Protein backbone atom coordinates (compact mmCIF):
# COMPACT_ATOMS: atom_id res chain seq x y z
CA MET A 1 -34.69 7.04 -13.65
CA PRO A 2 -31.66 8.14 -15.72
CA ARG A 3 -28.72 5.75 -15.78
CA ALA A 4 -24.96 6.36 -15.99
CA PHE A 5 -22.45 3.75 -17.10
CA TYR A 6 -18.95 3.97 -15.59
CA THR A 7 -16.36 2.14 -17.68
CA ASP A 8 -13.27 2.35 -15.43
CA TRP A 9 -11.52 4.45 -12.80
CA PRO A 10 -8.12 4.43 -11.03
CA TRP A 11 -9.35 5.42 -7.55
CA PRO A 12 -10.57 3.07 -4.79
CA ASP A 13 -14.31 3.74 -5.17
CA ILE A 14 -16.85 5.90 -6.99
CA GLU A 15 -18.71 7.32 -4.00
CA ILE A 16 -18.10 10.96 -4.95
CA GLU A 17 -19.68 10.38 -8.35
CA ARG A 18 -22.45 8.18 -6.96
CA VAL A 19 -23.55 10.77 -4.37
CA ILE A 20 -23.60 13.69 -6.82
CA LEU A 21 -25.46 11.74 -9.51
CA ALA A 22 -27.93 10.39 -6.95
CA GLU A 23 -28.95 13.96 -6.16
CA ALA A 24 -30.15 14.13 -9.78
CA GLY A 25 -31.94 10.81 -9.44
CA CYS A 26 -29.34 9.04 -11.58
CA SER A 27 -28.02 5.55 -10.81
CA ILE A 28 -24.58 4.23 -11.82
CA ASP A 29 -23.83 0.86 -13.32
CA VAL A 30 -20.21 -0.24 -13.66
CA SER A 31 -18.52 -2.29 -16.34
CA PRO A 32 -17.06 -5.69 -15.37
CA ASP A 33 -13.85 -4.76 -17.22
CA ASN A 34 -12.59 -2.16 -19.68
CA LYS A 35 -12.44 -4.29 -22.84
CA GLU A 36 -14.28 -2.96 -25.89
CA ALA A 37 -16.50 -6.03 -26.27
CA THR A 38 -17.51 -5.93 -22.62
CA LEU A 39 -18.32 -2.24 -22.77
CA ALA A 40 -20.45 -2.72 -25.86
CA GLU A 41 -22.29 -5.60 -24.21
CA HIS A 42 -23.05 -3.85 -20.92
CA VAL A 43 -23.57 -0.16 -21.79
CA GLY A 44 -27.20 -0.86 -22.65
CA ASP A 45 -29.59 2.08 -22.32
CA ALA A 46 -27.26 4.35 -20.34
CA ASP A 47 -27.99 8.05 -20.72
CA VAL A 48 -24.41 9.06 -19.84
CA ILE A 49 -21.04 7.31 -20.06
CA LEU A 50 -18.28 8.18 -17.59
CA THR A 51 -14.87 6.93 -18.71
CA CYS A 52 -11.24 7.22 -17.71
CA TRP A 53 -9.01 5.08 -19.96
CA ALA A 54 -11.36 2.48 -21.43
CA PRO A 55 -11.83 2.47 -25.24
CA VAL A 56 -15.11 4.23 -25.99
CA THR A 57 -14.99 3.33 -29.66
CA ALA A 58 -17.55 3.63 -32.46
CA ARG A 59 -18.71 0.13 -31.55
CA VAL A 60 -19.36 1.13 -27.93
CA ILE A 61 -21.05 4.38 -28.94
CA ASP A 62 -23.32 2.55 -31.40
CA ALA A 63 -24.24 0.05 -28.71
CA ALA A 64 -25.21 2.88 -26.35
CA THR A 65 -28.40 3.71 -28.21
CA ASN A 66 -29.75 6.03 -25.50
CA CYS A 67 -26.49 7.82 -24.64
CA ARG A 68 -26.13 11.50 -25.49
CA HIS A 69 -23.18 12.46 -23.26
CA ILE A 70 -19.72 10.98 -22.70
CA CYS A 71 -17.72 12.40 -19.76
CA ARG A 72 -13.96 11.86 -19.80
CA THR A 73 -12.50 11.78 -16.29
CA GLY A 74 -9.26 13.37 -17.44
CA ILE A 75 -7.71 15.56 -20.10
CA GLY A 76 -6.76 13.52 -23.17
CA LEU A 77 -9.38 12.19 -25.56
CA ASP A 78 -7.45 9.50 -27.44
CA ASN A 79 -9.56 6.72 -25.87
CA ILE A 80 -12.82 8.23 -27.19
CA ASP A 81 -13.92 8.29 -30.83
CA VAL A 82 -14.95 11.94 -30.65
CA GLY A 83 -15.61 12.11 -34.39
CA HIS A 84 -18.10 9.25 -34.25
CA ALA A 85 -19.71 10.66 -31.11
CA THR A 86 -20.20 13.97 -32.88
CA LYS A 87 -21.69 12.24 -35.91
CA LYS A 88 -24.17 10.48 -33.60
CA GLY A 89 -25.07 13.69 -31.77
CA VAL A 90 -23.34 12.67 -28.54
CA LEU A 91 -21.81 15.43 -26.42
CA VAL A 92 -18.25 14.86 -25.16
CA THR A 93 -16.74 16.69 -22.19
CA ASN A 94 -13.42 16.51 -20.37
CA VAL A 95 -11.57 18.42 -17.65
CA PRO A 96 -8.49 19.91 -19.33
CA ASP A 97 -7.44 22.23 -16.51
CA TYR A 98 -7.65 20.25 -13.26
CA CYS A 99 -4.09 18.96 -12.65
CA ILE A 100 -1.84 21.62 -14.15
CA GLU A 101 -0.04 22.25 -10.87
CA GLU A 102 0.52 18.55 -10.24
CA VAL A 103 1.98 17.75 -13.67
CA ALA A 104 4.26 20.80 -13.60
CA GLU A 105 5.47 19.82 -10.12
CA HIS A 106 6.06 16.23 -11.20
CA ALA A 107 8.04 17.27 -14.28
CA LEU A 108 10.21 19.56 -12.18
CA ALA A 109 10.70 16.82 -9.59
CA LEU A 110 11.87 14.45 -12.33
CA ILE A 111 14.33 17.08 -13.57
CA PHE A 112 15.85 17.24 -10.10
CA ALA A 113 15.81 13.46 -9.72
CA LEU A 114 17.68 13.07 -13.02
CA GLY A 115 20.16 15.91 -12.67
CA ARG A 116 20.95 15.34 -9.01
CA LYS A 117 20.98 11.52 -9.50
CA ILE A 118 18.52 11.15 -6.63
CA ALA A 119 16.79 8.01 -7.92
CA ASP A 120 20.04 6.37 -9.00
CA GLY A 121 21.71 7.12 -5.67
CA HIS A 122 18.72 5.87 -3.72
CA LEU A 123 18.58 2.56 -5.58
CA ALA A 124 22.33 2.09 -5.21
CA THR A 125 22.23 2.57 -1.44
CA LYS A 126 19.33 0.13 -1.15
CA ARG A 127 21.54 -2.40 -2.92
CA GLY A 128 24.26 -1.74 -0.34
CA GLU A 129 26.37 0.49 -2.61
CA TYR A 130 27.30 3.63 -0.67
CA SER A 131 29.48 5.47 -3.16
CA LEU A 132 29.60 9.14 -4.06
CA VAL A 133 31.72 8.36 -7.11
CA GLY A 134 29.18 5.88 -8.45
CA SER A 135 26.62 8.61 -9.02
CA LEU A 136 28.87 11.02 -10.89
CA PRO A 137 28.54 13.22 -12.82
CA ILE A 138 26.06 15.31 -10.83
CA GLU A 139 25.29 18.75 -12.21
CA ARG A 140 23.87 21.98 -10.82
CA ILE A 141 20.26 22.50 -11.99
CA GLY A 142 20.35 26.30 -11.84
CA GLY A 143 21.79 27.74 -15.03
CA LYS A 144 20.87 24.72 -17.16
CA THR A 145 18.58 25.05 -20.18
CA LEU A 146 15.11 23.53 -20.09
CA GLY A 147 13.37 23.03 -23.40
CA VAL A 148 9.58 22.83 -23.09
CA VAL A 149 7.78 21.17 -26.00
CA GLY A 150 4.25 22.51 -25.77
CA LEU A 151 3.55 25.85 -24.10
CA GLY A 152 -0.02 25.33 -22.97
CA ARG A 153 -1.19 25.60 -19.38
CA THR A 154 1.15 22.94 -17.99
CA GLY A 155 4.17 23.83 -20.10
CA THR A 156 3.82 27.49 -19.21
CA LEU A 157 3.56 26.75 -15.47
CA LEU A 158 6.57 24.41 -15.65
CA ALA A 159 8.52 27.17 -17.40
CA LYS A 160 7.60 29.62 -14.64
CA LYS A 161 8.71 27.21 -11.91
CA ALA A 162 11.94 26.37 -13.73
CA ARG A 163 12.79 30.04 -14.18
CA ALA A 164 12.21 30.57 -10.44
CA ILE A 165 15.03 28.12 -9.64
CA GLY A 166 17.40 29.77 -12.09
CA MET A 167 16.98 27.69 -15.22
CA ARG A 168 17.08 29.20 -18.69
CA VAL A 169 13.87 28.21 -20.48
CA ILE A 170 13.24 27.88 -24.19
CA GLY A 171 10.09 26.49 -25.75
CA THR A 172 8.34 25.54 -28.94
CA ASN A 173 4.73 25.23 -30.05
CA ARG A 174 2.58 25.57 -33.17
CA SER A 175 1.49 29.15 -32.45
CA ARG A 176 5.09 30.40 -32.21
CA GLN A 177 4.01 32.35 -29.11
CA ALA A 178 5.96 31.99 -25.88
CA PRO A 179 5.15 33.31 -22.38
CA GLU A 180 7.21 36.02 -20.75
CA GLY A 181 10.75 34.94 -20.00
CA VAL A 182 10.68 32.02 -22.44
CA LYS A 183 12.47 32.20 -25.78
CA TRP A 184 10.56 30.58 -28.65
CA VAL A 185 12.72 28.33 -30.85
CA THR A 186 12.15 25.62 -33.41
CA LEU A 187 12.04 22.01 -32.25
CA ASP A 188 15.42 21.35 -33.87
CA GLU A 189 16.96 24.30 -32.01
CA LEU A 190 15.34 23.23 -28.76
CA LEU A 191 16.71 19.69 -28.98
CA ALA A 192 20.20 20.93 -29.79
CA GLN A 193 20.35 23.51 -26.98
CA SER A 194 18.51 21.88 -24.06
CA ASP A 195 20.00 20.14 -21.06
CA TYR A 196 16.50 18.89 -20.23
CA VAL A 197 13.68 18.36 -22.74
CA SER A 198 10.18 18.20 -21.22
CA LEU A 199 7.25 16.98 -23.32
CA ASN A 200 4.07 18.87 -22.45
CA CYS A 201 2.06 18.57 -25.65
CA PRO A 202 -0.98 16.49 -26.63
CA LEU A 203 -0.77 13.24 -28.57
CA THR A 204 -1.97 13.68 -32.14
CA ASP A 205 -1.15 12.12 -35.49
CA ALA A 206 1.43 14.88 -35.93
CA THR A 207 3.10 14.36 -32.53
CA ARG A 208 3.06 10.55 -32.30
CA HIS A 209 6.68 9.39 -31.87
CA LEU A 210 7.81 13.01 -31.88
CA MET A 211 10.85 11.70 -30.04
CA ASN A 212 12.16 9.10 -32.46
CA ALA A 213 15.56 7.83 -33.59
CA LYS A 214 16.31 11.05 -35.48
CA SER A 215 15.09 13.58 -32.90
CA LEU A 216 16.67 11.76 -29.96
CA ARG A 217 20.06 11.97 -31.64
CA GLN A 218 19.61 15.73 -31.99
CA MET A 219 19.84 16.03 -28.21
CA LYS A 220 23.08 16.61 -26.35
CA PRO A 221 24.73 13.40 -25.11
CA SER A 222 24.57 15.00 -21.64
CA ALA A 223 20.86 15.86 -21.88
CA PHE A 224 17.81 14.25 -20.29
CA LEU A 225 14.30 13.60 -21.63
CA VAL A 226 11.21 14.02 -19.41
CA ASN A 227 7.73 12.87 -20.48
CA THR A 228 4.70 13.58 -18.30
CA SER A 229 2.25 14.02 -21.18
CA ARG A 230 1.43 10.98 -23.34
CA GLY A 231 3.41 7.78 -23.84
CA GLY A 232 2.90 7.79 -27.59
CA LEU A 233 5.03 10.93 -27.94
CA VAL A 234 8.11 8.74 -27.47
CA ASP A 235 9.30 5.83 -29.61
CA HIS A 236 10.45 3.72 -26.68
CA PRO A 237 12.56 1.20 -28.67
CA ALA A 238 14.32 4.19 -30.28
CA LEU A 239 14.88 5.67 -26.83
CA ALA A 240 16.44 2.39 -25.68
CA GLU A 241 18.77 2.42 -28.68
CA ALA A 242 19.72 6.07 -28.14
CA LEU A 243 20.58 5.38 -24.50
CA GLU A 244 22.63 2.34 -25.47
CA ALA A 245 24.53 4.47 -28.00
CA GLY A 246 25.14 7.25 -25.46
CA ALA A 247 23.10 9.75 -27.48
CA LEU A 248 21.55 11.14 -24.27
CA ALA A 249 22.23 10.82 -20.55
CA GLY A 250 18.91 9.53 -19.30
CA ALA A 251 15.14 9.87 -19.25
CA ALA A 252 12.20 10.11 -16.86
CA LEU A 253 8.94 8.57 -18.06
CA ASP A 254 5.63 8.94 -16.27
CA VAL A 255 3.58 7.75 -19.26
CA GLN A 256 4.13 4.79 -21.56
CA ASP A 257 2.79 3.68 -24.93
CA ARG A 258 1.27 0.64 -23.23
CA GLU A 259 0.53 0.71 -19.55
CA PRO A 260 1.86 -1.04 -17.66
CA PRO A 261 4.98 -1.64 -19.78
CA ASP A 262 7.27 -4.64 -19.49
CA LEU A 263 9.64 -3.27 -16.87
CA SER A 264 12.16 -6.02 -17.53
CA GLN A 265 12.86 -4.63 -21.01
CA PRO A 266 14.76 -1.52 -22.15
CA PRO A 267 14.43 1.36 -21.78
CA TYR A 268 12.59 0.67 -18.52
CA ASN A 269 15.28 -1.53 -16.97
CA ASP A 270 18.06 0.98 -17.70
CA ARG A 271 19.39 2.52 -14.46
CA ARG A 272 19.50 5.89 -16.22
CA VAL A 273 15.73 5.81 -16.74
CA ILE A 274 13.27 6.83 -14.02
CA VAL A 275 9.79 5.33 -14.39
CA THR A 276 6.78 6.51 -12.41
CA PRO A 277 3.38 4.77 -12.81
CA HIS A 278 1.37 7.55 -14.50
CA THR A 279 1.15 9.55 -11.29
CA ALA A 280 2.04 13.05 -12.53
CA PHE A 281 -1.61 14.11 -12.49
CA VAL A 282 -2.36 12.71 -9.06
CA SER A 283 -2.93 14.52 -5.80
CA THR A 284 -5.75 14.25 -3.29
CA GLU A 285 -6.89 17.72 -4.28
CA ALA A 286 -6.71 17.16 -8.04
CA THR A 287 -8.49 13.81 -7.96
CA THR A 288 -11.34 15.15 -5.83
CA GLU A 289 -11.72 18.15 -8.13
CA LEU A 290 -11.72 15.95 -11.23
CA ARG A 291 -14.32 13.52 -9.98
CA THR A 292 -16.57 16.26 -8.63
CA ARG A 293 -16.49 18.27 -11.84
CA VAL A 294 -17.15 15.25 -14.05
CA ALA A 295 -20.13 14.23 -11.94
CA HIS A 296 -21.54 17.75 -12.14
CA GLN A 297 -21.02 17.76 -15.91
CA ALA A 298 -23.23 14.67 -16.11
CA VAL A 299 -25.84 16.17 -13.77
CA ASP A 300 -25.96 19.42 -15.75
CA PHE A 301 -26.53 17.47 -18.96
CA LEU A 302 -29.24 15.27 -17.42
CA GLN A 303 -31.05 18.32 -16.02
CA GLY A 304 -31.02 20.21 -19.29
CA ARG A 305 -28.15 22.60 -18.58
CA THR A 306 -25.05 23.02 -20.74
CA PRO A 307 -22.11 21.30 -19.03
CA GLU A 308 -18.67 22.88 -18.87
CA GLN A 309 -15.73 21.96 -21.09
CA ILE A 310 -17.57 20.71 -24.17
CA VAL A 311 -15.18 19.19 -26.69
CA ASN A 312 -17.58 19.07 -29.65
CA PRO A 313 -19.88 22.11 -29.36
CA SER A 314 -21.22 21.56 -32.88
CA VAL A 315 -23.49 18.90 -31.36
CA LEU A 316 -25.41 21.66 -29.56
CA SER A 317 -26.27 23.42 -32.79
CA GLY A 318 -26.78 20.29 -34.85
């Protein structure tokens, strides 16, 4: 009987995955925790690894002597050593297109929450402070400039939604190609012109701490930063310093460099900063789609078919 090893998951149970894999005669073992040493100790002779955020490192891959497929239940691949997997002939798949609507909606919601001071006003009233003046200034969203860093699926959809509510949208990416209605600009131009900067790009060596002390000070003092992509795109101590210096008006962070962060420390304890617990990708519909597709990827592999969304196709021809 084939065996799958599930490292970690953020949902209440794994019944969706268990039922689909059982149809292929595959059982699922789960890891006691998501530490590298534990994963390496327990992965054993698994044929397939399913993983969300746990570190599937070279050590874990080497320990999984029978594994030939790693399924990422998500989009990003920074928790998987894809290079080592490829070297070992292990197929890696992900689901890069399952929560585009959700992340775009969440980013837009954070823009409204920042600009309309919704979160700040809500917290103030819960503290017994009922003051219109205390939330000022509050600005109209329509007519403001949104700068989208990364014009892939999510960035493009966010741009479309923002344009529908009357925002001017500019964007930047490596290809220098922008969708209809979006003006392509350099990152420097985007930071200088935008009232809202939304990060919608992947985390790579080139984009780590893209928003640092220098780039944050290129923003308008009245501008807001929104990050629904990867926590490592932002240098959080530099963001705290920029806020303290009045270099920008506020930020909304759905992703952090370490999760969970220490919420008692800046920038997280700053009233101008909205923090959501990595929920931009979440909806009942998106989570069900993700789990179902990942399980079917594993089944396709186990039954000799080519699964969808292969990250390292060179393994197939190797």
